[in-house]
Amino acid sequence: MNEPTQIWDEEFDVVVVGSGAGGMTAALCAAGEGLKALVIEKSEFYGGTSAVSGGGIWIPCNDDIEKNGGRDSYEAALGYVKLLTEGEVPESRIAAYLQNAPEMVRHLARQFGVRFRSVPLYPDYYPDKPGGLDGHRSMEPVEFNAALLGEEFDRQRPPFKGTQVMGRLSMNQVEAHTLFTKGKGWIGLIMKMMLRYWLDLGWRFKTKRDRRMTLGQALVGQLRYALQQQQVPLWLETGLTDLVHDNGRVTGVVAQRGGRAIRLRARRGVILASGGFESNQQMREQYLPHPTQVAWTGAPPINHGDGIRAGQALGAGLGFMNLVWGSPTVHVPGASSQTTLFVERAMPRCVIVNRKGQRFVNEAAAYPDVVTAMYADDAKGNGAVPAWFIFDAQFRKKYPAGLFLPGQMQPDSALPKDWLDKVYYRADSLAALAAKIGVDAQGLAATIERFNAHAVKGEDPDFHKGTTAIDRYYSDPQNQPNPCLGPLTDGPFYAIRLDPGEIGTKGGLLTDEHARVLREDGGVIEGLYATGNTSAAVMGKTYAGAGSTLGPAMTFGYLAARDLARQPVAPTVTA
């Protein structure tokens, strides 16, 4: 929107569109620079997809690494990311991220009390590649007391039940690893968590949600509390409808609030942090590999590409629009979005097969690689969209599987009766199971026969499951000789449909090392910045390690705020 006369409803130095981790970090750091900032959020909840995430940030050379006995270097991290991105991301952006991410973490802790800690055992997603590490680079937010938020607690997007024990008890990354792998003291840990939760009587009268915030809840809770302390307003149910620009410079936004259009001046600039487009079917069909469905996403149904389309209308360039932060997902009746299969695939006694009954991927691979493999195999005519996650009775008894807890905690009899052979499938033989799910029975039999013969020896000559640290991170260490491999021998056998879902889209507005939005010709759109999934991912087609979405989102939000503080105030245009 370009008008010679601007009449503003309110004025700020910086208007941030979107209340996820990237947007709130940007607003917080802008306030720290002495700027008057505003965050607008179109949903009734703040926090975006960050609130339902694991909350991790990937920060090479973070200060905890040496404290915990590890070693890292900028050169190693730069070489690693450059190798993974294969020249498709400007080195200036990669360098800006790696050089500033540790300082961003220090700055948030030092100035605002927003704190993280390294997870020493969490490997990079490709630890066997040059520059990859077997731990330390992923950080998680420290626990946060929800009571500090006051009434704002009820306005934070609630967590997904799958990120909590028994759908209620909060767990951090270290605890999740202990519980999923049944590490030392896991039973005592559950009992301690349950006791703490139920003895918090005053909080139980208030809500079923846990007072102890962890993962994405702790991340968003800390940031929201810091914004409160800095007196930065956050307006809910206020959606971007247009960017206001004058002589090629963005000077504000038009937003819909309370049923009317309001005009908000941004004297220094606008930061778009409104997420990707995973909930926009038209954009999915335009940009993503086919087939694609909104119903397959593992993200909340809130991101429709508003910021991307607003920037595009001003001539912004786009990048990586065909890519997603992929993860196989499963349908759970009644849920607002699909459930992602992050960890279960690494356990023994399971396989993923296509319609021909053939394996086509290392089941324990990083979740984006599984989705990439699904589309690649489907393009060959093998029917890998959807694919099928198949496991035996021993797996069902011991391990979770997206839809349900281990059978020893949640037996089939405790599941809704109408789920059987609609949501999950069960049969006494592999042949009968194949008939139920439309998979070639002979192909499946041959696959399982070959898989079992090697699995008992701890080997996977076809896809090398269990050979890297990231494969083994979520596995069963008591299962030897390979904690990720075991034969499927005990009936009944089970199957769950896998769709090629995602936790967000990767494509967005092209930006530079300061998070400034670039035109298609490489020129800067003055006054306009983007971060998070509204911007083209600095990770390109890859996923370097846990936190490769939120780490860059927050770092470039921090960089955008610093750059905005150096910008002149846009002149007021009057008639």
Protein backbone atom coordinates (compact mmCIF):
# COMPACT_ATOMS: atom_id res chain seq x y z
CA MET A 1 0.00 0.00 0.00
CA ASN A 2 1.58 3.26 -1.14
CA GLU A 3 -0.15 6.52 -0.30
CA PRO A 4 1.08 10.14 -0.35
CA THR A 5 -0.68 10.90 2.91
CA GLN A 6 -0.31 8.64 5.93
CA ILE A 7 -2.72 8.79 8.85
CA TRP A 8 -1.58 6.47 11.61
CA ASP A 9 -3.63 5.00 14.45
CA GLU A 10 -0.50 4.40 16.54
CA GLU A 11 3.25 4.77 16.09
CA PHE A 12 6.16 2.59 17.14
CA ASP A 13 9.81 2.31 16.22
CA VAL A 14 9.45 -1.36 15.31
CA VAL A 15 6.40 -3.48 14.51
CA VAL A 16 6.99 -7.24 14.72
CA VAL A 17 4.49 -9.49 12.97
CA GLY A 18 4.28 -12.86 14.72
CA SER A 19 4.79 -13.98 18.33
CA GLY A 20 6.94 -17.08 17.96
CA ALA A 21 10.49 -17.29 19.30
CA GLY A 22 11.96 -15.33 16.39
CA GLY A 23 9.44 -12.50 16.63
CA MET A 24 9.56 -12.16 20.40
CA THR A 25 13.36 -12.24 20.40
CA ALA A 26 13.39 -9.48 17.80
CA ALA A 27 10.99 -7.30 19.80
CA LEU A 28 12.83 -7.95 23.05
CA CYS A 29 16.21 -7.06 21.56
CA ALA A 30 14.72 -3.96 19.92
CA ALA A 31 13.45 -2.85 23.31
CA GLY A 32 16.91 -3.50 24.71
CA GLU A 33 18.24 -1.08 22.11
CA GLY A 34 15.91 1.60 23.44
CA LEU A 35 13.34 1.25 20.67
CA LYS A 36 9.56 1.29 21.14
CA ALA A 37 8.42 -2.11 19.86
CA LEU A 38 5.07 -3.83 19.30
CA VAL A 39 4.31 -7.49 18.58
CA ILE A 40 1.11 -8.31 16.70
CA GLU A 41 -0.29 -11.85 16.51
CA LYS A 42 -3.34 -12.86 14.48
CA SER A 43 -4.18 -15.88 16.68
CA GLU A 44 -5.93 -15.81 20.04
CA PHE A 45 -2.77 -17.38 21.48
CA TYR A 46 0.81 -16.18 21.44
CA GLY A 47 3.80 -18.44 20.85
CA GLY A 48 3.12 -19.81 17.37
CA THR A 49 4.70 -23.13 16.48
CA SER A 50 7.55 -22.36 18.90
CA ALA A 51 5.20 -22.98 21.84
CA VAL A 52 4.45 -26.56 20.76
CA SER A 53 8.03 -27.38 19.72
CA GLY A 54 10.91 -28.99 21.55
CA GLY A 55 12.21 -25.49 22.20
CA GLY A 56 15.76 -26.38 21.21
CA ILE A 57 18.22 -24.03 19.51
CA TRP A 58 21.30 -25.19 17.55
CA ILE A 59 24.20 -23.02 18.72
CA PRO A 60 27.73 -24.10 17.70
CA CYS A 61 30.50 -22.76 19.97
CA ASN A 62 28.04 -22.05 22.78
CA ASP A 63 29.57 -21.26 26.18
CA ASP A 64 28.45 -24.55 27.77
CA ILE A 65 30.48 -26.77 25.45
CA GLU A 66 33.84 -26.39 27.18
CA LYS A 67 32.16 -26.38 30.62
CA ASN A 68 30.77 -29.83 29.80
CA GLY A 69 34.06 -31.20 28.50
CA GLY A 70 33.39 -30.75 24.78
CA ARG A 71 35.24 -28.93 22.02
CA ASP A 72 34.01 -26.93 19.04
CA SER A 73 35.29 -24.35 16.62
CA TYR A 74 33.81 -21.80 14.27
CA GLU A 75 35.79 -23.30 11.40
CA ALA A 76 34.36 -26.78 12.03
CA ALA A 77 30.80 -25.48 12.25
CA LEU A 78 31.17 -23.33 9.13
CA GLY A 79 32.60 -26.23 7.15
CA TYR A 80 29.79 -28.50 8.36
CA VAL A 81 26.96 -26.13 7.38
CA LYS A 82 28.59 -25.23 4.06
CA LEU A 83 28.93 -28.93 3.27
CA LEU A 84 25.28 -29.61 4.09
CA THR A 85 23.90 -26.58 2.23
CA GLU A 86 25.92 -27.40 -0.91
CA GLY A 87 26.51 -23.80 -1.95
CA GLU A 88 22.81 -22.94 -2.09
CA VAL A 89 22.99 -20.47 0.82
CA PRO A 90 25.26 -17.38 0.70
CA GLU A 91 28.24 -17.85 3.01
CA SER A 92 27.62 -14.37 4.39
CA ARG A 93 24.31 -15.55 5.90
CA ILE A 94 25.80 -18.75 7.30
CA ALA A 95 28.69 -16.80 8.81
CA ALA A 96 26.34 -14.19 10.30
CA TYR A 97 24.38 -16.96 11.99
CA LEU A 98 27.36 -18.89 13.35
CA GLN A 99 29.24 -15.79 14.50
CA ASN A 100 26.28 -14.20 16.28
CA ALA A 101 24.30 -17.16 17.67
CA PRO A 102 26.47 -17.61 20.81
CA GLU A 103 26.33 -13.87 21.53
CA MET A 104 22.55 -13.90 21.04
CA VAL A 105 22.30 -16.55 23.78
CA ARG A 106 24.59 -14.54 26.08
CA HIS A 107 22.66 -11.33 25.40
CA LEU A 108 19.27 -12.86 26.23
CA ALA A 109 20.61 -14.27 29.49
CA ARG A 110 22.59 -11.21 30.51
CA GLN A 111 20.04 -8.53 29.72
CA PHE A 112 16.67 -10.30 30.00
CA GLY A 113 17.16 -13.45 32.08
CA VAL A 114 16.16 -15.76 29.20
CA ARG A 115 18.41 -18.78 29.69
CA PHE A 116 19.45 -21.94 27.87
CA ARG A 117 21.71 -24.88 28.61
CA SER A 118 23.56 -27.27 26.34
CA VAL A 119 22.37 -30.87 25.94
CA PRO A 120 25.75 -32.67 25.91
CA LEU A 121 24.55 -36.02 24.53
CA TYR A 122 22.34 -34.69 21.72
CA PRO A 123 24.29 -35.24 18.47
CA ASP A 124 24.14 -33.18 15.31
CA TYR A 125 21.92 -34.81 12.70
CA TYR A 126 24.94 -35.75 10.57
CA PRO A 127 27.67 -36.35 13.16
CA ASP A 128 29.61 -38.54 10.74
CA LYS A 129 30.08 -35.63 8.30
CA PRO A 130 33.20 -33.43 8.54
CA GLY A 131 32.59 -30.79 11.18
CA GLY A 132 29.68 -32.67 12.77
CA LEU A 133 29.68 -33.36 16.51
CA ASP A 134 28.30 -36.13 18.69
CA GLY A 135 26.79 -33.64 21.12
CA HIS A 136 26.79 -30.22 22.80
CA ARG A 137 25.61 -27.88 20.01
CA SER A 138 21.88 -28.23 20.74
CA MET A 139 20.65 -26.17 23.68
CA GLU A 140 17.34 -26.22 25.52
CA PRO A 141 15.55 -23.53 27.55
CA VAL A 142 15.76 -23.84 31.31
CA GLU A 143 12.54 -24.65 33.13
CA PHE A 144 10.19 -21.74 33.79
CA ASN A 145 7.50 -21.17 36.43
CA ALA A 146 4.23 -20.51 34.61
CA ALA A 147 2.85 -18.58 37.59
CA LEU A 148 5.18 -15.69 36.77
CA LEU A 149 3.14 -14.98 33.63
CA GLY A 150 -0.02 -14.17 35.56
CA GLU A 151 -3.05 -13.92 33.28
CA GLU A 152 -0.79 -14.17 30.23
CA PHE A 153 -0.33 -17.88 30.97
CA ASP A 154 -3.86 -18.57 29.69
CA ARG A 155 -3.04 -16.77 26.44
CA GLN A 156 0.02 -18.88 25.62
CA ARG A 157 -0.52 -21.59 23.03
CA PRO A 158 -0.85 -24.88 24.98
CA PRO A 159 1.63 -27.69 24.34
CA PHE A 160 0.88 -30.77 22.26
CA LYS A 161 0.07 -33.73 24.49
CA GLY A 162 2.75 -35.76 22.71
CA THR A 163 5.46 -33.54 24.19
CA GLN A 164 4.37 -34.36 27.73
CA VAL A 165 4.37 -37.50 29.85
CA MET A 166 0.86 -38.93 29.99
CA GLY A 167 -0.30 -35.81 28.16
CA ARG A 168 0.20 -33.59 31.24
CA LEU A 169 3.62 -33.82 32.87
CA SER A 170 6.30 -31.53 31.48
CA MET A 171 9.68 -33.04 30.60
CA ASN A 172 12.87 -31.44 29.37
CA GLN A 173 15.14 -32.82 26.66
CA VAL A 174 17.36 -34.77 29.06
CA GLU A 175 14.36 -36.29 30.82
CA ALA A 176 12.75 -37.17 27.48
CA HIS A 177 15.89 -39.02 26.45
CA THR A 178 15.97 -40.94 29.74
CA LEU A 179 12.31 -41.91 29.48
CA PHE A 180 12.27 -42.90 25.79
CA THR A 181 15.42 -45.01 26.13
CA LYS A 182 14.43 -46.29 29.59
CA GLY A 183 17.73 -45.08 30.92
CA LYS A 184 18.94 -45.46 34.47
CA GLY A 185 16.30 -44.31 36.97
CA TRP A 186 13.51 -43.82 34.43
CA ILE A 187 10.79 -45.31 36.63
CA GLY A 188 11.82 -43.18 39.57
CA LEU A 189 11.83 -40.14 37.28
CA ILE A 190 8.22 -40.74 36.26
CA MET A 191 7.17 -41.19 39.88
CA LYS A 192 8.94 -37.98 40.86
CA MET A 193 7.27 -36.07 38.04
CA MET A 194 3.83 -37.40 38.96
CA LEU A 195 4.33 -36.61 42.65
CA ARG A 196 5.45 -33.07 41.91
CA TYR A 197 2.50 -32.49 39.58
CA TRP A 198 -0.22 -33.80 41.93
CA LEU A 199 1.18 -32.20 45.08
CA ASP A 200 1.02 -28.78 43.42
CA LEU A 201 -2.51 -28.46 44.77
CA GLY A 202 -2.98 -24.73 44.38
CA TRP A 203 -2.03 -24.92 40.70
CA ARG A 204 -4.21 -28.02 40.15
CA PHE A 205 -7.27 -25.98 41.16
CA LYS A 206 -6.31 -23.45 38.50
CA THR A 207 -5.49 -25.67 35.50
CA LYS A 208 -4.55 -29.16 34.36
CA ARG A 209 -1.50 -27.72 32.60
CA ASP A 210 1.82 -28.11 34.38
CA ARG A 211 3.23 -25.14 36.28
CA ARG A 212 6.72 -26.35 35.35
CA MET A 213 7.25 -25.18 31.78
CA THR A 214 9.79 -27.04 29.64
CA LEU A 215 10.68 -27.36 25.94
CA GLY A 216 8.88 -24.85 23.70
CA GLN A 217 6.60 -23.80 26.55
CA ALA A 218 9.61 -22.70 28.62
CA LEU A 219 11.13 -20.90 25.65
CA VAL A 220 8.00 -18.92 24.89
CA GLY A 221 7.18 -18.42 28.56
CA GLN A 222 10.60 -16.91 29.27
CA LEU A 223 10.39 -14.61 26.27
CA ARG A 224 6.85 -13.46 27.08
CA TYR A 225 7.82 -12.75 30.70
CA ALA A 226 10.83 -10.75 29.52
CA LEU A 227 8.60 -8.74 27.18
CA GLN A 228 6.32 -8.01 30.12
CA GLN A 229 9.29 -6.81 32.16
CA GLN A 230 10.34 -4.56 29.29
CA GLN A 231 6.73 -3.34 28.90
CA VAL A 232 6.58 -4.40 25.26
CA PRO A 233 2.93 -4.79 24.19
CA LEU A 234 1.76 -7.96 22.43
CA TRP A 235 -1.59 -7.64 20.68
CA LEU A 236 -3.47 -10.87 20.03
CA GLU A 237 -6.10 -11.33 17.31
CA THR A 238 -4.36 -8.66 15.27
CA GLY A 239 -3.54 -9.93 11.79
CA LEU A 240 -1.36 -8.35 9.12
CA THR A 241 -3.29 -7.42 5.99
CA ASP A 242 -0.84 -5.13 4.20
CA LEU A 243 2.54 -3.42 4.35
CA VAL A 244 2.60 0.35 4.02
CA HIS A 245 5.47 1.71 1.95
CA ASP A 246 6.53 5.08 0.65
CA ASN A 247 9.14 5.64 -2.06
CA GLY A 248 10.28 2.03 -1.80
CA ARG A 249 10.63 2.03 1.99
CA VAL A 250 8.34 0.12 4.35
CA THR A 251 6.94 2.54 6.90
CA GLY A 252 4.27 0.52 8.67
CA VAL A 253 1.53 -2.07 8.51
CA VAL A 254 -2.19 -2.31 8.11
CA ALA A 255 -3.69 -4.87 10.46
CA GLN A 256 -7.16 -6.15 11.30
CA ARG A 257 -8.01 -5.76 14.98
CA GLY A 258 -11.36 -5.83 16.70
CA GLY A 259 -13.19 -5.98 13.40
CA ARG A 260 -11.58 -2.90 11.89
CA ALA A 261 -8.47 -1.98 9.95
CA ILE A 262 -5.78 -0.13 11.89
CA ARG A 263 -2.65 1.57 10.57
CA LEU A 264 0.53 1.17 12.62
CA ARG A 265 3.54 3.29 11.83
CA ALA A 266 6.97 1.68 12.17
CA ARG A 267 9.46 4.54 12.34
CA ARG A 268 12.51 2.25 11.96
CA GLY A 269 11.03 -0.77 10.25
CA VAL A 270 8.85 -3.90 10.22
CA ILE A 271 10.04 -7.41 11.10
CA LEU A 272 8.04 -10.26 9.57
CA ALA A 273 8.14 -13.35 11.79
CA SER A 274 4.71 -14.80 11.02
CA GLY A 275 5.73 -18.35 10.11
CA GLY A 276 5.48 -20.28 6.86
CA PHE A 277 2.57 -21.48 4.75
CA GLU A 278 1.92 -25.05 5.83
CA SER A 279 -1.77 -24.34 6.51
CA ASN A 280 -2.37 -22.75 3.09
CA GLN A 281 -3.47 -25.47 0.64
CA GLN A 282 -3.21 -23.17 -2.38
CA MET A 283 0.41 -22.28 -1.59
CA ARG A 284 1.23 -25.92 -0.83
CA GLU A 285 -0.03 -26.95 -4.24
CA GLN A 286 1.79 -24.07 -5.91
CA TYR A 287 5.18 -24.71 -4.34
CA LEU A 288 5.54 -28.09 -2.58
CA PRO A 289 6.04 -31.56 -4.10
CA HIS A 290 2.84 -33.39 -4.94
CA PRO A 291 0.77 -34.84 -3.45
CA THR A 292 0.49 -32.43 -0.52
CA GLN A 293 -2.24 -31.83 2.02
CA VAL A 294 -2.77 -29.32 4.82
CA ALA A 295 -4.18 -32.25 6.80
CA TRP A 296 -0.72 -33.85 6.92
CA THR A 297 1.01 -31.06 8.81
CA GLY A 298 2.34 -31.56 12.31
CA ALA A 299 2.14 -27.81 13.01
CA PRO A 300 -0.81 -25.93 14.50
CA PRO A 301 -3.27 -24.74 11.82
CA ILE A 302 -2.20 -21.09 12.05
CA ASN A 303 0.38 -20.30 9.37
CA HIS A 304 -0.95 -19.24 5.97
CA GLY A 305 2.01 -17.42 4.45
CA ASP A 306 0.72 -13.93 5.28
CA GLY A 307 4.16 -12.39 5.72
CA ILE A 308 5.59 -14.14 2.69
CA ARG A 309 2.80 -12.91 0.44
CA ALA A 310 3.05 -9.37 1.85
CA GLY A 311 6.76 -9.24 1.07
CA GLN A 312 6.26 -10.80 -2.32
CA ALA A 313 3.77 -8.04 -3.20
CA LEU A 314 6.61 -5.53 -2.76
CA GLY A 315 8.87 -7.45 -5.12
CA ALA A 316 10.74 -9.57 -2.58
CA GLY A 317 12.62 -12.57 -3.87
CA LEU A 318 11.75 -16.07 -2.67
CA GLY A 319 13.90 -19.07 -1.87
CA PHE A 320 13.46 -22.78 -1.02
CA MET A 321 9.69 -22.60 -1.49
CA ASN A 322 9.64 -26.29 -2.43
CA LEU A 323 11.11 -27.38 0.91
CA VAL A 324 9.74 -28.15 4.36
CA TRP A 325 11.10 -28.99 7.78
CA GLY A 326 9.80 -32.46 7.07
CA SER A 327 8.70 -35.14 9.48
CA PRO A 328 6.51 -38.20 8.94
CA THR A 329 3.17 -37.71 10.65
CA VAL A 330 0.29 -39.90 11.76
CA HIS A 331 -3.39 -39.06 12.12
CA VAL A 332 -4.86 -38.98 15.60
CA PRO A 333 -8.66 -38.53 15.62
CA GLY A 334 -9.75 -35.30 17.24
CA ALA A 335 -6.35 -33.64 17.13
CA SER A 336 -6.00 -30.22 15.45
CA SER A 337 -2.89 -31.40 13.64
CA GLN A 338 -1.11 -34.67 12.96
CA THR A 339 1.33 -36.27 15.38
CA THR A 340 4.97 -36.33 14.32
CA LEU A 341 7.04 -39.50 14.56
CA PHE A 342 10.33 -38.07 15.80
CA VAL A 343 11.83 -40.84 17.92
CA GLU A 344 9.89 -44.11 17.63
CA ARG A 345 11.42 -44.98 14.28
CA ALA A 346 14.85 -45.54 15.85
CA MET A 347 13.65 -48.37 18.08
CA PRO A 348 14.21 -52.05 17.20
CA ARG A 349 11.56 -54.35 15.69
CA CYS A 350 10.09 -51.87 13.20
CA VAL A 351 10.36 -51.01 9.51
CA ILE A 352 8.96 -48.41 7.13
CA VAL A 353 7.76 -49.77 3.78
CA ASN A 354 6.11 -48.56 0.58
CA ARG A 355 3.09 -50.05 -1.20
CA LYS A 356 5.34 -52.77 -2.64
CA GLY A 357 6.27 -53.83 0.90
CA GLN A 358 9.85 -52.65 0.43
CA ARG A 359 12.03 -50.58 2.73
CA PHE A 360 13.36 -47.40 1.15
CA VAL A 361 14.98 -45.47 4.02
CA ASN A 362 16.89 -45.81 7.27
CA GLU A 363 13.99 -45.67 9.73
CA ALA A 364 16.16 -43.89 12.32
CA ALA A 365 17.31 -41.17 9.91
CA ALA A 366 16.77 -37.50 10.71
CA TYR A 367 13.06 -36.85 10.21
CA PRO A 368 13.48 -34.49 7.21
CA ASP A 369 15.41 -37.22 5.41
CA VAL A 370 12.54 -39.67 5.88
CA VAL A 371 10.10 -37.29 4.18
CA THR A 372 12.57 -36.61 1.36
CA ALA A 373 12.95 -40.35 0.87
CA MET A 374 9.17 -40.82 0.81
CA TYR A 375 8.77 -38.41 -2.09
CA ALA A 376 11.82 -39.74 -3.93
CA ASP A 377 10.59 -43.32 -3.69
CA ASP A 378 7.04 -42.32 -4.59
CA ALA A 379 8.35 -40.59 -7.73
CA LYS A 380 9.74 -43.97 -8.82
CA GLY A 381 6.22 -45.40 -8.76
CA ASN A 382 6.72 -47.40 -5.56
CA GLY A 383 3.85 -45.89 -3.59
CA ALA A 384 5.66 -44.33 -0.63
CA VAL A 385 3.09 -41.56 -0.11
CA PRO A 386 1.67 -42.70 2.18
CA ALA A 387 4.18 -45.15 3.64
CA TRP A 388 3.58 -47.68 6.40
CA PHE A 389 5.23 -48.00 9.80
CA ILE A 390 5.14 -51.70 10.67
CA PHE A 391 6.12 -53.29 13.98
CA ASP A 392 5.56 -56.45 15.99
CA ALA A 393 4.03 -57.26 19.37
CA GLN A 394 7.31 -56.81 21.24
CA PHE A 395 7.66 -53.27 19.87
CA ARG A 396 4.03 -52.55 20.76
CA LYS A 397 4.64 -53.70 24.32
CA LYS A 398 7.86 -51.78 24.95
CA TYR A 399 7.82 -48.59 22.88
CA PRO A 400 5.53 -45.65 22.03
CA ALA A 401 4.26 -45.21 18.47
CA GLY A 402 2.82 -41.74 17.93
CA LEU A 403 -0.77 -42.77 18.51
CA PHE A 404 -0.21 -44.50 21.79
CA LEU A 405 2.06 -45.22 24.73
CA PRO A 406 3.83 -48.57 25.10
CA GLY A 407 1.39 -51.46 25.45
CA GLN A 408 2.56 -52.17 28.98
CA MET A 409 1.22 -48.70 29.88
CA GLN A 410 -1.64 -48.39 27.36
CA PRO A 411 -2.79 -51.78 26.00
CA ASP A 412 -4.95 -52.10 22.90
CA SER A 413 -7.99 -52.60 25.14
CA ALA A 414 -7.53 -49.04 26.43
CA LEU A 415 -7.66 -47.52 22.94
CA PRO A 416 -10.89 -46.33 21.32
CA LYS A 417 -12.63 -49.32 19.73
CA ASP A 418 -13.24 -47.52 16.44
CA TRP A 419 -9.49 -46.89 15.93
CA LEU A 420 -8.76 -50.52 15.05
CA ASP A 421 -8.29 -51.01 11.31
CA LYS A 422 -9.00 -47.32 10.72
CA VAL A 423 -6.30 -45.46 12.65
CA TYR A 424 -4.01 -48.39 13.43
CA TYR A 425 -4.10 -51.87 11.91
CA ARG A 426 -3.47 -55.21 13.58
CA ALA A 427 -3.32 -58.78 12.31
CA ASP A 428 -1.97 -62.12 13.48
CA SER A 429 0.21 -62.52 10.38
CA LEU A 430 2.16 -60.22 8.11
CA ALA A 431 0.16 -61.47 5.12
CA ALA A 432 -3.13 -60.56 6.77
CA LEU A 433 -1.75 -57.18 7.79
CA ALA A 434 -0.59 -56.51 4.22
CA ALA A 435 -4.09 -57.27 2.93
CA LYS A 436 -5.63 -54.78 5.37
CA ILE A 437 -3.36 -51.89 4.39
CA GLY A 438 -3.06 -52.57 0.65
CA VAL A 439 0.63 -53.52 0.67
CA ASP A 440 2.04 -56.29 -1.52
CA ALA A 441 2.15 -59.35 0.75
CA GLN A 442 4.97 -61.14 -1.06
CA GLY A 443 7.07 -57.99 -1.12
CA LEU A 444 6.52 -57.43 2.58
CA ALA A 445 7.35 -61.04 3.42
CA ALA A 446 10.61 -60.86 1.46
CA THR A 447 11.51 -57.55 3.10
CA ILE A 448 10.92 -58.83 6.63
CA GLU A 449 12.78 -62.07 5.94
CA ARG A 450 15.86 -60.18 4.75
CA PHE A 451 15.59 -57.55 7.48
CA ASN A 452 15.25 -60.14 10.26
CA ALA A 453 18.22 -62.19 9.06
CA HIS A 454 20.50 -59.18 9.38
CA ALA A 455 18.80 -57.59 12.41
CA VAL A 456 19.61 -60.52 14.70
CA LYS A 457 23.28 -59.82 13.93
CA GLY A 458 22.85 -56.10 14.48
CA GLU A 459 23.43 -55.29 10.82
CA ASP A 460 21.56 -53.33 8.17
CA PRO A 461 23.52 -53.58 4.91
CA ASP A 462 20.71 -51.84 3.01
CA PHE A 463 20.28 -48.60 4.99
CA HIS A 464 22.78 -48.81 7.89
CA LYS A 465 20.28 -48.18 10.67
CA GLY A 466 21.99 -47.71 14.02
CA THR A 467 25.46 -46.85 12.75
CA THR A 468 25.57 -43.17 13.80
CA ALA A 469 25.21 -41.37 17.12
CA ILE A 470 22.01 -39.64 16.02
CA ASP A 471 20.46 -43.00 15.04
CA ARG A 472 21.26 -44.35 18.49
CA TYR A 473 20.25 -41.26 20.51
CA TYR A 474 16.64 -42.42 20.78
CA SER A 475 16.98 -46.20 20.79
CA ASP A 476 16.98 -49.11 23.22
CA PRO A 477 20.50 -49.49 24.68
CA GLN A 478 19.48 -52.81 26.26
CA ASN A 479 18.87 -54.24 22.80
CA GLN A 480 22.17 -55.65 21.58
CA PRO A 481 24.25 -55.83 19.47
CA ASN A 482 22.54 -52.87 17.78
CA PRO A 483 20.16 -50.73 19.89
CA CYS A 484 18.17 -49.78 16.77
CA LEU A 485 17.72 -53.22 15.22
CA GLY A 486 15.60 -56.21 16.14
CA PRO A 487 13.66 -58.79 14.11
CA LEU A 488 9.89 -58.60 13.64
CA THR A 489 8.93 -62.07 14.81
CA ASP A 490 6.14 -61.86 17.39
CA GLY A 491 2.51 -61.44 16.38
CA PRO A 492 0.20 -59.75 16.32
CA PHE A 493 1.73 -57.31 13.86
CA TYR A 494 0.78 -53.64 13.61
CA ALA A 495 0.78 -50.90 10.98
CA ILE A 496 0.32 -47.14 11.09
CA ARG A 497 -0.03 -44.93 8.03
CA LEU A 498 2.74 -42.34 7.62
CA ASP A 499 2.09 -39.12 5.71
CA PRO A 500 4.87 -36.79 4.48
CA GLY A 501 4.18 -34.01 6.95
CA GLU A 502 6.24 -31.24 8.44
CA ILE A 503 6.75 -29.02 11.45
CA GLY A 504 6.86 -26.00 9.14
CA THR A 505 7.75 -24.86 5.64
CA LYS A 506 11.30 -23.73 4.81
CA GLY A 507 10.68 -21.40 1.93
CA GLY A 508 10.26 -17.68 2.30
CA LEU A 509 11.57 -14.22 1.62
CA LEU A 510 15.20 -13.85 0.62
CA THR A 511 17.18 -12.00 3.29
CA ASP A 512 20.77 -10.88 3.83
CA GLU A 513 23.10 -11.26 6.80
CA HIS A 514 21.20 -8.50 8.68
CA ALA A 515 17.80 -10.18 8.05
CA ARG A 516 16.89 -7.40 5.59
CA VAL A 517 14.44 -8.55 2.92
CA LEU A 518 15.89 -8.58 -0.60
CA ARG A 519 14.22 -7.91 -3.93
CA GLU A 520 14.46 -10.42 -6.74
CA ASP A 521 17.39 -8.42 -8.16
CA GLY A 522 19.25 -8.58 -4.83
CA GLY A 523 18.47 -5.02 -3.76
CA VAL A 524 17.33 -4.27 -0.20
CA ILE A 525 13.71 -3.36 0.57
CA GLU A 526 14.39 -0.62 3.09
CA GLY A 527 12.58 -0.94 6.39
CA LEU A 528 11.59 -4.59 5.92
CA TYR A 529 13.12 -7.56 7.75
CA ALA A 530 12.18 -11.23 8.05
CA THR A 531 13.17 -14.14 10.23
CA GLY A 532 12.05 -17.68 11.05
CA ASN A 533 9.95 -19.54 8.51
CA THR A 534 8.89 -16.29 6.86
CA SER A 535 12.44 -16.13 5.48
CA ALA A 536 14.24 -18.60 3.23
CA ALA A 537 16.01 -21.04 5.56
CA VAL A 538 19.70 -20.46 6.22
CA MET A 539 19.91 -24.26 6.46
CA GLY A 540 18.81 -24.67 2.84
CA LYS A 541 17.62 -28.19 2.11
CA THR A 542 19.19 -29.67 5.24
CA TYR A 543 18.80 -29.80 9.04
CA ALA A 544 22.15 -29.53 10.82
CA GLY A 545 20.92 -30.51 14.27
CA ALA A 546 18.12 -30.19 16.79
CA GLY A 547 17.18 -26.52 16.98
CA SER A 548 18.09 -25.61 13.39
CA THR A 549 14.74 -23.85 13.00
CA LEU A 550 14.58 -21.82 16.21
CA GLY A 551 18.31 -21.10 16.51
CA PRO A 552 18.44 -19.14 13.24
CA ALA A 553 15.00 -17.58 13.85
CA MET A 554 16.15 -16.08 17.13
CA THR A 555 19.62 -15.15 15.89
CA PHE A 556 18.32 -13.27 12.86
CA GLY A 557 15.65 -11.66 15.03
CA TYR A 558 18.49 -10.42 17.24
CA LEU A 559 20.43 -9.20 14.20
CA ALA A 560 17.37 -7.46 12.77
CA ALA A 561 16.88 -5.53 16.01
CA ARG A 562 20.52 -4.47 16.08
CA ASP A 563 20.36 -3.28 12.49
CA LEU A 564 17.10 -1.41 13.05
CA ALA A 565 18.64 0.45 15.97
CA ARG A 566 21.18 1.88 13.54
CA GLN A 567 18.60 3.00 10.97
CA PRO A 568 17.29 6.56 10.65
CA VAL A 569 13.70 7.30 11.53
CA ALA A 570 11.47 7.24 8.44
CA PRO A 571 10.16 10.74 7.69
CA THR A 572 6.48 11.38 8.24
CA VAL A 573 4.75 12.13 4.95
CA THR A 574 1.92 14.65 5.16
CA ALA A 575 -0.41 16.19 2.60
